[in-house]
Amino acid sequence: MEPNHILDALLDEAGMSFNGLATRINQAGKARGKTLRYDHTAVLRWLRGATPRGIVPDLICDILAERLGRPITLTDIGLGPAANPASAAPLAGFIERSTALWRGDGQQRADVEQTPLITGLPAIGPVWEWENPPDDLDVSRPGGMRVGSGDIEVLRAARLHYEAMYRQAGGVATRGRIVRFLAEQTAPLVRGAYTDATGRDLHRAVGGLVAVAGICSYDSDRQGLAQRYFHQALRLAKASGDRAFGGYVIALLVNQCLFMRDYRQAVAFAEAGIRAAGTAMSPALATDLYAMQAKAFSRMGDLAGAHRCMTAAEEAAGRIRPGEEPAELGYVQPGLVEAQLAEALISLRDFAPAQDYAAEAVRAQAHARGSIHRLATLATADLGRGEAELAAAHTLDALNLARGQESQRLRDRFVRLRGMLADHGSAAGRNAVEQIDASLSVPL
């Protein structure tokens, strides 16, 4: 059963407890000559996906309509005709589902945190819907608190804050904070009142925050939840009308596909991002998408495809103008493309040029998280060339930078390095293995 996030969000908006709804249902039933004995456990079952029986769905609509001061239909409470949850829903319903997810995640509810990864057509649907018409002709919303430019600036500042925190402390440490901000500070704004122009700016700013929440969930190894956040960010990108931002979200999905070893889907998503962003495609975004395509092709053993995309990535990197790129693409820093191409070459077991690219990436200045990944890539290339002592030294440099980071993805990299260093059996390698073991003994 899929949780009924829409009903959960409406109860939150109405300020109504589970007991409060159950009591009102019993009273409304009595007024119709029905004896009903529902309590908070019944409401909890409905929120987890069970369907209320008989006249109860209609009663819920009437109760919430009276409380919220607007008509409420069965579809509005998540009990209408079955629909593909990945399809482009009307914006109002999408907002209700999204805010419910934020609220449940902020409450650390197990059913939300354990959201499964979706595959097949439901996973492709949001990308297809973003790429194709219809677009949102009017995203204005009546009623509620009035949203202004000052509110949107706060959201933009929050995205920068949480992105910096993620880079310095990791997704595990940052996730709870950004999710609470979404639930407590952002949800009232997207459910507020705004014009079409303000609404587009609002959805763009909220999309940036939601994307960072997805990144933190990915970094915490909650892949299903990360996917939902990325899909939300893509829908918000469509509502904002910002094609370049949508392309950035596609890049996040491509990266997740690479991690999940779904290389064909990674290539397809990257192609969709390149195709749909069109003239809004920034050089930094093109660099990242082509580089990730190169990694996907290399892991499938497609030498020609990998080299074609490596060339395209390097050409796009030469056109980057940092001051003209979207804010979210700040991670495409000098050295990123070299690190990505080094990883592609490692997959092709072409270790000499991989080592050269990785060394160049390490020499370029980057934030701590980026430097850790680059050093780990260089250490892997070192090992490919049989240079265990050099690999151990680069691994220790990466470990020093990783102190204070709470990231499952970084731990994964060190686990892989540990296995490769242990296989080489050198004294320097054994020392690095001991240092990795000491670091991994500290739980996240």
Protein backbone atom coordinates (compact mmCIF):
# COMPACT_ATOMS: atom_id res chain seq x y z
CA MET A 1 0.00 0.00 0.00
CA GLU A 2 1.17 3.52 -0.82
CA PRO A 3 0.89 5.97 2.11
CA ASN A 4 -1.83 8.59 1.66
CA HIS A 5 0.37 11.68 1.81
CA ILE A 6 -2.41 13.95 0.50
CA LEU A 7 -4.77 13.24 3.39
CA ASP A 8 -1.89 13.61 5.83
CA ALA A 9 -1.06 17.05 4.39
CA LEU A 10 -4.67 18.22 4.54
CA LEU A 11 -4.96 17.19 8.18
CA ASP A 12 -1.78 19.14 8.89
CA GLU A 13 -3.10 22.20 7.03
CA ALA A 14 -6.41 21.97 8.92
CA GLY A 15 -4.61 21.63 12.25
CA MET A 16 -6.66 18.50 12.98
CA SER A 17 -5.38 15.56 15.00
CA PHE A 18 -6.12 11.92 14.22
CA ASN A 19 -8.47 11.80 17.18
CA GLY A 20 -10.09 15.03 16.05
CA LEU A 21 -10.90 13.64 12.61
CA ALA A 22 -12.17 10.33 14.03
CA THR A 23 -14.46 12.15 16.51
CA ARG A 24 -15.89 14.38 13.77
CA ILE A 25 -16.49 11.35 11.52
CA ASN A 26 -18.42 9.61 14.31
CA GLN A 27 -20.49 12.76 14.93
CA ALA A 28 -21.20 13.27 11.22
CA GLY A 29 -22.23 9.61 10.91
CA LYS A 30 -24.61 9.97 13.84
CA ALA A 31 -26.24 12.98 12.14
CA ARG A 32 -26.95 10.68 9.18
CA GLY A 33 -28.31 7.92 11.35
CA LYS A 34 -25.15 5.81 11.25
CA THR A 35 -23.34 4.47 14.31
CA LEU A 36 -19.61 4.80 13.71
CA ARG A 37 -16.86 4.05 16.22
CA TYR A 38 -13.61 5.21 14.68
CA ASP A 39 -10.56 6.31 16.67
CA HIS A 40 -7.04 7.58 15.94
CA THR A 41 -5.79 4.10 14.97
CA ALA A 42 -8.28 3.98 12.07
CA VAL A 43 -7.04 7.34 10.79
CA LEU A 44 -3.46 6.11 11.07
CA ARG A 45 -4.36 3.04 8.96
CA TRP A 46 -5.86 5.30 6.28
CA LEU A 47 -2.71 7.42 6.19
CA ARG A 48 -0.68 4.23 5.73
CA GLY A 49 -2.74 3.36 2.66
CA ALA A 50 -5.89 1.56 3.82
CA THR A 51 -9.15 2.73 2.25
CA PRO A 52 -11.99 3.84 4.57
CA ARG A 53 -15.27 2.08 3.88
CA GLY A 54 -18.84 3.15 3.17
CA ILE A 55 -19.71 6.82 3.58
CA VAL A 56 -16.51 7.67 5.45
CA PRO A 57 -14.58 9.14 2.46
CA ASP A 58 -17.47 11.53 1.77
CA LEU A 59 -17.62 12.48 5.44
CA ILE A 60 -13.89 13.24 5.43
CA CYS A 61 -14.39 15.54 2.42
CA ASP A 62 -17.23 17.39 4.14
CA ILE A 63 -15.31 17.77 7.43
CA LEU A 64 -12.17 19.11 5.78
CA ALA A 65 -14.13 21.37 3.41
CA GLU A 66 -15.85 23.01 6.38
CA ARG A 67 -12.57 23.40 8.26
CA LEU A 68 -10.53 24.74 5.32
CA GLY A 69 -13.23 26.85 3.74
CA ARG A 70 -13.01 25.36 0.25
CA PRO A 71 -14.50 22.41 -1.63
CA ILE A 72 -12.70 19.09 -1.06
CA THR A 73 -13.16 16.12 -3.40
CA LEU A 74 -12.26 12.45 -3.08
CA THR A 75 -9.29 13.08 -5.35
CA ASP A 76 -8.20 15.93 -3.06
CA ILE A 77 -7.93 13.50 -0.13
CA GLY A 78 -6.12 10.81 -2.13
CA LEU A 79 -9.16 8.54 -2.47
CA GLY A 80 -10.21 9.32 -6.02
CA PRO A 81 -9.64 7.14 -9.11
CA ALA A 82 -6.24 5.44 -9.09
CA ALA A 83 -3.52 7.42 -10.80
CA ASN A 84 0.13 6.91 -11.53
CA PRO A 85 1.88 8.76 -8.70
CA ALA A 86 4.81 9.52 -10.99
CA SER A 87 2.66 11.33 -13.56
CA ALA A 88 2.40 15.11 -13.76
CA ALA A 89 -0.32 15.76 -11.21
CA PRO A 90 -2.24 19.02 -10.96
CA LEU A 91 -0.02 21.40 -9.04
CA ALA A 92 -2.31 21.77 -6.02
CA GLY A 93 -2.41 18.02 -5.39
CA PHE A 94 1.32 17.73 -5.97
CA ILE A 95 1.96 20.39 -3.32
CA GLU A 96 -0.21 18.57 -0.80
CA ARG A 97 1.63 15.30 -1.36
CA SER A 98 5.01 16.98 -1.22
CA THR A 99 4.40 18.83 2.02
CA ALA A 100 3.07 15.63 3.56
CA LEU A 101 6.29 13.84 2.65
CA TRP A 102 8.36 16.62 4.23
CA ARG A 103 6.27 16.46 7.37
CA GLY A 104 6.53 12.66 7.65
CA ASP A 105 10.27 12.74 7.00
CA GLY A 106 10.75 15.48 9.57
CA GLN A 107 8.88 13.33 12.09
CA GLN A 108 11.24 10.42 11.24
CA ARG A 109 8.27 8.19 10.43
CA ALA A 110 9.45 4.72 9.47
CA ASP A 111 7.05 4.40 6.52
CA VAL A 112 8.53 7.56 4.99
CA GLU A 113 12.19 6.86 5.76
CA GLN A 114 11.82 3.36 4.27
CA THR A 115 10.24 4.62 1.04
CA PRO A 116 11.19 2.05 -1.63
CA LEU A 117 13.04 2.90 -4.83
CA ILE A 118 10.70 2.81 -7.81
CA THR A 119 11.77 1.30 -11.13
CA GLY A 120 10.40 0.86 -14.64
CA LEU A 121 7.84 3.24 -16.09
CA PRO A 122 7.04 4.98 -12.75
CA ALA A 123 10.72 5.95 -12.49
CA ILE A 124 10.85 7.25 -16.06
CA GLY A 125 7.49 9.05 -15.91
CA PRO A 126 8.60 12.20 -14.05
CA VAL A 127 11.44 12.76 -16.53
CA TRP A 128 9.09 12.32 -19.49
CA GLU A 129 6.52 14.65 -17.93
CA TRP A 130 9.16 17.31 -17.31
CA GLU A 131 10.40 17.09 -20.87
CA ASN A 132 7.00 17.21 -22.59
CA PRO A 133 3.86 19.40 -22.59
CA PRO A 134 1.60 20.50 -21.11
CA ASP A 135 3.34 23.21 -19.13
CA ASP A 136 1.77 25.01 -16.17
CA LEU A 137 0.02 28.06 -17.62
CA ASP A 138 -0.72 29.67 -14.26
CA VAL A 139 0.84 28.65 -10.92
CA SER A 140 -0.89 31.31 -8.81
CA ARG A 141 -2.64 30.18 -5.64
CA PRO A 142 -5.40 31.92 -3.67
CA GLY A 143 -5.95 32.09 0.08
CA GLY A 144 -3.63 31.59 3.00
CA MET A 145 -0.66 33.76 3.89
CA ARG A 146 0.60 36.17 1.23
CA VAL A 147 4.03 35.20 -0.13
CA GLY A 148 6.43 37.93 -1.17
CA SER A 149 9.93 38.39 -2.53
CA GLY A 150 11.38 38.50 0.99
CA ASP A 151 10.12 34.98 1.67
CA ILE A 152 11.73 33.72 -1.52
CA GLU A 153 15.07 35.30 -0.60
CA VAL A 154 14.99 33.42 2.71
CA LEU A 155 14.53 30.14 0.81
CA ARG A 156 17.43 30.92 -1.49
CA ALA A 157 19.66 31.75 1.47
CA ALA A 158 18.58 28.51 3.16
CA ARG A 159 19.56 26.47 0.11
CA LEU A 160 23.05 27.99 0.13
CA HIS A 161 23.32 27.34 3.88
CA TYR A 162 22.32 23.68 3.72
CA GLU A 163 24.37 23.02 0.61
CA ALA A 164 27.48 24.37 2.38
CA MET A 165 26.65 22.29 5.46
CA TYR A 166 26.32 19.16 3.31
CA ARG A 167 29.72 19.78 1.73
CA GLN A 168 31.42 20.35 5.08
CA ALA A 169 29.58 17.89 7.35
CA GLY A 170 27.94 15.35 5.01
CA GLY A 171 24.38 14.38 4.19
CA VAL A 172 23.76 12.33 7.33
CA ALA A 173 24.40 15.36 9.54
CA THR A 174 22.51 17.79 7.29
CA ARG A 175 19.43 15.79 6.28
CA GLY A 176 17.38 16.23 9.42
CA ARG A 177 17.95 19.96 9.48
CA ILE A 178 16.90 20.66 5.90
CA VAL A 179 13.88 18.37 6.14
CA ARG A 180 12.66 20.19 9.25
CA PHE A 181 13.12 23.49 7.42
CA LEU A 182 11.00 22.18 4.55
CA ALA A 183 8.26 20.94 6.88
CA GLU A 184 8.15 23.92 9.22
CA GLN A 185 9.21 26.93 7.15
CA THR A 186 8.71 26.03 3.49
CA ALA A 187 5.39 24.15 3.54
CA PRO A 188 3.34 27.16 4.75
CA LEU A 189 4.76 29.22 1.87
CA VAL A 190 3.93 26.78 -0.96
CA ARG A 191 0.44 26.44 0.57
CA GLY A 192 0.13 30.23 0.79
CA ALA A 193 -1.23 32.84 -1.64
CA TYR A 194 0.84 34.15 -4.54
CA THR A 195 0.59 35.49 -8.08
CA ASP A 196 1.77 33.56 -11.11
CA ALA A 197 5.06 35.50 -11.29
CA THR A 198 5.79 35.13 -7.59
CA GLY A 199 4.71 31.49 -7.71
CA ARG A 200 7.26 30.68 -10.40
CA ASP A 201 10.06 32.24 -8.36
CA LEU A 202 8.76 30.43 -5.28
CA HIS A 203 8.68 27.02 -6.98
CA ARG A 204 12.20 27.60 -8.32
CA ALA A 205 13.52 28.44 -4.83
CA VAL A 206 11.69 25.54 -3.18
CA GLY A 207 12.94 23.19 -5.90
CA GLY A 208 16.51 24.12 -5.03
CA LEU A 209 15.94 23.25 -1.38
CA VAL A 210 14.16 19.99 -2.21
CA ALA A 211 17.05 18.98 -4.48
CA VAL A 212 19.50 19.43 -1.59
CA ALA A 213 17.20 17.33 0.63
CA GLY A 214 17.38 14.65 -2.05
CA ILE A 215 21.17 14.86 -2.16
CA CYS A 216 21.34 14.47 1.63
CA SER A 217 18.98 11.47 1.48
CA TYR A 218 21.13 9.92 -1.25
CA ASP A 219 24.22 10.52 0.85
CA SER A 220 22.45 8.86 3.81
CA ASP A 221 21.65 5.80 1.65
CA ARG A 222 17.89 6.39 1.67
CA GLN A 223 17.65 5.87 -2.06
CA GLY A 224 13.86 5.64 -2.40
CA LEU A 225 13.39 8.84 -0.44
CA ALA A 226 16.12 10.59 -2.43
CA GLN A 227 14.38 9.59 -5.65
CA ARG A 228 11.08 11.07 -4.41
CA TYR A 229 12.80 14.36 -3.57
CA PHE A 230 14.46 14.47 -6.99
CA HIS A 231 11.09 13.83 -8.65
CA GLN A 232 9.56 16.61 -6.55
CA ALA A 233 12.35 18.99 -7.58
CA LEU A 234 11.75 18.11 -11.23
CA ARG A 235 8.03 18.88 -10.91
CA LEU A 236 8.87 22.18 -9.20
CA ALA A 237 11.28 22.94 -12.04
CA LYS A 238 8.45 22.46 -14.51
CA ALA A 239 6.19 24.77 -12.50
CA SER A 240 8.92 27.41 -12.36
CA GLY A 241 9.52 27.27 -16.11
CA ASP A 242 13.29 27.09 -15.53
CA ARG A 243 14.59 24.49 -18.00
CA ALA A 244 18.19 24.82 -16.86
CA PHE A 245 17.21 24.01 -13.29
CA GLY A 246 15.29 20.97 -14.52
CA GLY A 247 18.42 19.83 -16.32
CA TYR A 248 20.36 20.10 -13.05
CA VAL A 249 17.80 17.86 -11.32
CA ILE A 250 18.14 15.38 -14.18
CA ALA A 251 21.89 15.32 -13.45
CA LEU A 252 21.09 14.31 -9.86
CA LEU A 253 18.96 11.44 -11.13
CA VAL A 254 21.73 10.39 -13.52
CA ASN A 255 24.21 10.29 -10.64
CA GLN A 256 21.80 8.13 -8.63
CA CYS A 257 21.38 5.77 -11.59
CA LEU A 258 25.16 5.38 -11.76
CA PHE A 259 25.26 4.50 -8.08
CA MET A 260 22.45 1.97 -8.54
CA ARG A 261 24.36 0.51 -11.54
CA ASP A 262 21.48 1.24 -13.91
CA TYR A 263 23.84 2.46 -16.61
CA ARG A 264 21.43 2.40 -19.54
CA GLN A 265 18.96 4.55 -17.67
CA ALA A 266 21.78 6.91 -16.68
CA VAL A 267 22.61 7.39 -20.37
CA ALA A 268 18.94 7.85 -21.30
CA PHE A 269 18.30 10.38 -18.54
CA ALA A 270 21.42 12.35 -19.47
CA GLU A 271 20.28 12.46 -23.09
CA ALA A 272 16.87 13.70 -21.94
CA GLY A 273 18.52 16.43 -19.90
CA ILE A 274 20.71 17.55 -22.79
CA ARG A 275 17.80 17.42 -25.24
CA ALA A 276 15.17 19.14 -23.11
CA ALA A 277 17.34 21.88 -21.60
CA GLY A 278 18.00 23.03 -25.17
CA THR A 279 19.27 26.59 -25.42
CA ALA A 280 19.00 26.91 -21.62
CA MET A 281 21.74 24.30 -21.25
CA SER A 282 24.69 25.84 -19.43
CA PRO A 283 28.25 24.69 -20.18
CA ALA A 284 28.65 23.45 -16.59
CA LEU A 285 25.53 21.29 -16.84
CA ALA A 286 26.61 19.94 -20.23
CA THR A 287 30.03 19.12 -18.75
CA ASP A 288 28.51 17.12 -15.90
CA LEU A 289 25.95 15.26 -18.02
CA TYR A 290 28.47 14.28 -20.71
CA ALA A 291 31.03 13.21 -18.07
CA MET A 292 28.48 11.00 -16.32
CA GLN A 293 27.46 9.52 -19.66
CA ALA A 294 31.13 8.70 -20.24
CA LYS A 295 31.23 6.90 -16.88
CA ALA A 296 28.06 4.96 -17.73
CA PHE A 297 29.40 3.90 -21.14
CA SER A 298 32.74 2.90 -19.62
CA ARG A 299 31.04 0.69 -17.05
CA MET A 300 29.09 -0.99 -19.84
CA GLY A 301 32.38 -1.60 -21.68
CA ASP A 302 31.42 0.74 -24.55
CA LEU A 303 34.82 2.24 -25.39
CA ALA A 304 33.61 4.34 -28.34
CA GLY A 305 30.67 5.79 -26.42
CA ALA A 306 32.86 6.59 -23.43
CA HIS A 307 35.50 8.40 -25.50
CA ARG A 308 32.84 10.32 -27.48
CA CYS A 309 31.29 11.65 -24.28
CA MET A 310 34.68 12.37 -22.70
CA THR A 311 35.50 14.62 -25.64
CA ALA A 312 32.12 16.38 -25.39
CA ALA A 313 32.61 16.90 -21.63
CA GLU A 314 36.05 18.48 -22.11
CA GLU A 315 34.76 20.75 -24.87
CA ALA A 316 31.86 21.91 -22.67
CA ALA A 317 34.21 22.46 -19.70
CA GLY A 318 36.22 24.90 -21.82
CA ARG A 319 33.13 27.09 -22.22
CA ILE A 320 32.28 27.41 -18.50
CA ARG A 321 31.98 30.96 -17.19
CA PRO A 322 31.56 30.61 -13.39
CA GLY A 323 29.77 33.92 -12.87
CA GLU A 324 27.15 33.05 -15.49
CA GLU A 325 26.19 29.57 -14.26
CA PRO A 326 23.06 28.70 -12.21
CA ALA A 327 23.71 28.74 -8.46
CA GLU A 328 23.16 24.99 -8.06
CA LEU A 329 25.93 24.19 -10.53
CA GLY A 330 28.66 25.61 -8.31
CA TYR A 331 29.82 22.03 -7.74
CA VAL A 332 31.14 21.95 -11.33
CA GLN A 333 34.46 23.39 -10.19
CA PRO A 334 37.87 23.27 -11.89
CA GLY A 335 39.07 19.69 -11.77
CA LEU A 336 35.62 18.07 -11.64
CA VAL A 337 35.61 16.96 -15.26
CA GLU A 338 39.14 15.55 -14.89
CA ALA A 339 38.03 13.54 -11.84
CA GLN A 340 34.97 12.22 -13.67
CA LEU A 341 36.98 11.25 -16.74
CA ALA A 342 39.60 9.58 -14.56
CA GLU A 343 36.83 7.39 -13.12
CA ALA A 344 35.65 6.51 -16.61
CA LEU A 345 39.19 5.54 -17.63
CA ILE A 346 39.62 3.45 -14.47
CA SER A 347 36.51 1.48 -15.45
CA LEU A 348 38.14 0.92 -18.85
CA ARG A 349 41.33 -0.15 -17.00
CA ASP A 350 43.29 2.57 -18.79
CA PHE A 351 45.21 3.50 -15.66
CA ALA A 352 48.03 5.70 -16.98
CA PRO A 353 45.82 8.49 -18.40
CA ALA A 354 43.42 7.98 -15.48
CA GLN A 355 46.27 8.74 -13.08
CA ASP A 356 47.17 11.88 -15.05
CA TYR A 357 43.59 13.16 -15.05
CA ALA A 358 43.14 12.37 -11.34
CA ALA A 359 46.40 14.12 -10.40
CA GLU A 360 45.28 17.19 -12.34
CA ALA A 361 41.94 17.12 -10.53
CA VAL A 362 43.66 16.96 -7.13
CA ARG A 363 45.83 19.97 -7.99
CA ALA A 364 42.72 22.09 -8.67
CA GLN A 365 41.17 23.79 -5.64
CA ALA A 366 37.90 22.26 -4.41
CA HIS A 367 35.75 22.13 -1.30
CA ALA A 368 36.60 19.39 1.22
CA ARG A 369 34.08 16.85 -0.07
CA GLY A 370 35.22 17.25 -3.66
CA SER A 371 38.86 16.92 -2.64
CA ILE A 372 38.13 13.67 -0.78
CA HIS A 373 36.55 12.10 -3.86
CA ARG A 374 39.38 13.30 -6.08
CA LEU A 375 42.05 11.87 -3.78
CA ALA A 376 40.16 8.57 -3.61
CA THR A 377 40.03 8.47 -7.41
CA LEU A 378 43.76 9.20 -7.62
CA ALA A 379 44.51 6.46 -5.07
CA THR A 380 42.47 4.00 -7.17
CA ALA A 381 44.43 4.94 -10.29
CA ASP A 382 47.69 4.59 -8.33
CA LEU A 383 46.73 1.06 -7.35
CA GLY A 384 45.84 0.26 -10.95
CA ARG A 385 49.44 1.10 -11.82
CA GLY A 386 50.79 -0.96 -8.93
CA GLU A 387 51.93 2.07 -6.90
CA ALA A 388 50.63 0.99 -3.50
CA GLU A 389 52.73 3.38 -1.41
CA LEU A 390 51.54 6.39 -3.41
CA ALA A 391 47.94 5.14 -3.15
CA ALA A 392 48.29 4.78 0.63
CA ALA A 393 49.60 8.34 0.95
CA HIS A 394 46.68 9.73 -1.07
CA THR A 395 44.23 7.63 0.96
CA LEU A 396 45.58 9.07 4.23
CA ASP A 397 45.23 12.60 2.82
CA ALA A 398 41.59 11.83 1.97
CA LEU A 399 40.98 10.39 5.45
CA ASN A 400 42.33 13.54 7.08
CA LEU A 401 39.98 15.71 5.03
CA ALA A 402 37.04 13.42 5.84
CA ARG A 403 37.23 13.99 9.60
CA GLY A 404 33.92 15.41 10.79
CA GLN A 405 32.06 14.29 7.66
CA GLU A 406 29.00 12.08 8.17
CA SER A 407 28.41 10.52 4.78
CA GLN A 408 27.54 7.00 3.75
CA ARG A 409 28.86 7.60 0.24
CA LEU A 410 32.29 8.64 1.55
CA ARG A 411 32.35 5.57 3.79
CA ASP A 412 31.61 3.46 0.71
CA ARG A 413 34.63 4.94 -1.05
CA PHE A 414 36.92 4.18 1.87
CA VAL A 415 35.56 0.62 2.13
CA ARG A 416 36.44 0.06 -1.54
CA LEU A 417 39.90 1.59 -1.08
CA ARG A 418 40.45 -0.60 1.97
CA GLY A 419 39.79 -3.75 -0.04
CA MET A 420 42.17 -2.72 -2.82
CA LEU A 421 44.95 -1.65 -0.43
CA ALA A 422 44.66 -4.89 1.55
CA ASP A 423 45.12 -6.89 -1.65
CA HIS A 424 48.48 -5.20 -2.36
CA GLY A 425 49.98 -6.16 1.00
CA SER A 426 52.58 -3.36 1.29
CA ALA A 427 53.56 -1.91 4.68
CA ALA A 428 52.18 1.50 3.68
CA GLY A 429 48.99 -0.18 2.51
CA ARG A 430 48.59 -2.05 5.80
CA ASN A 431 49.00 1.21 7.71
CA ALA A 432 46.34 2.88 5.54
CA VAL A 433 44.00 -0.08 6.10
CA GLU A 434 44.42 0.30 9.87
CA GLN A 435 43.65 4.03 9.62
CA ILE A 436 40.54 3.32 7.51
CA ASP A 437 39.37 0.70 10.00
CA ALA A 438 39.75 3.17 12.88
CA SER A 439 37.75 5.77 10.95
CA LEU A 440 34.97 3.33 9.99
CA SER A 441 34.65 2.11 13.59
CA VAL A 442 32.96 5.41 14.46
CA PRO A 443 29.23 4.97 13.67
CA LEU A 444 27.34 7.58 11.66
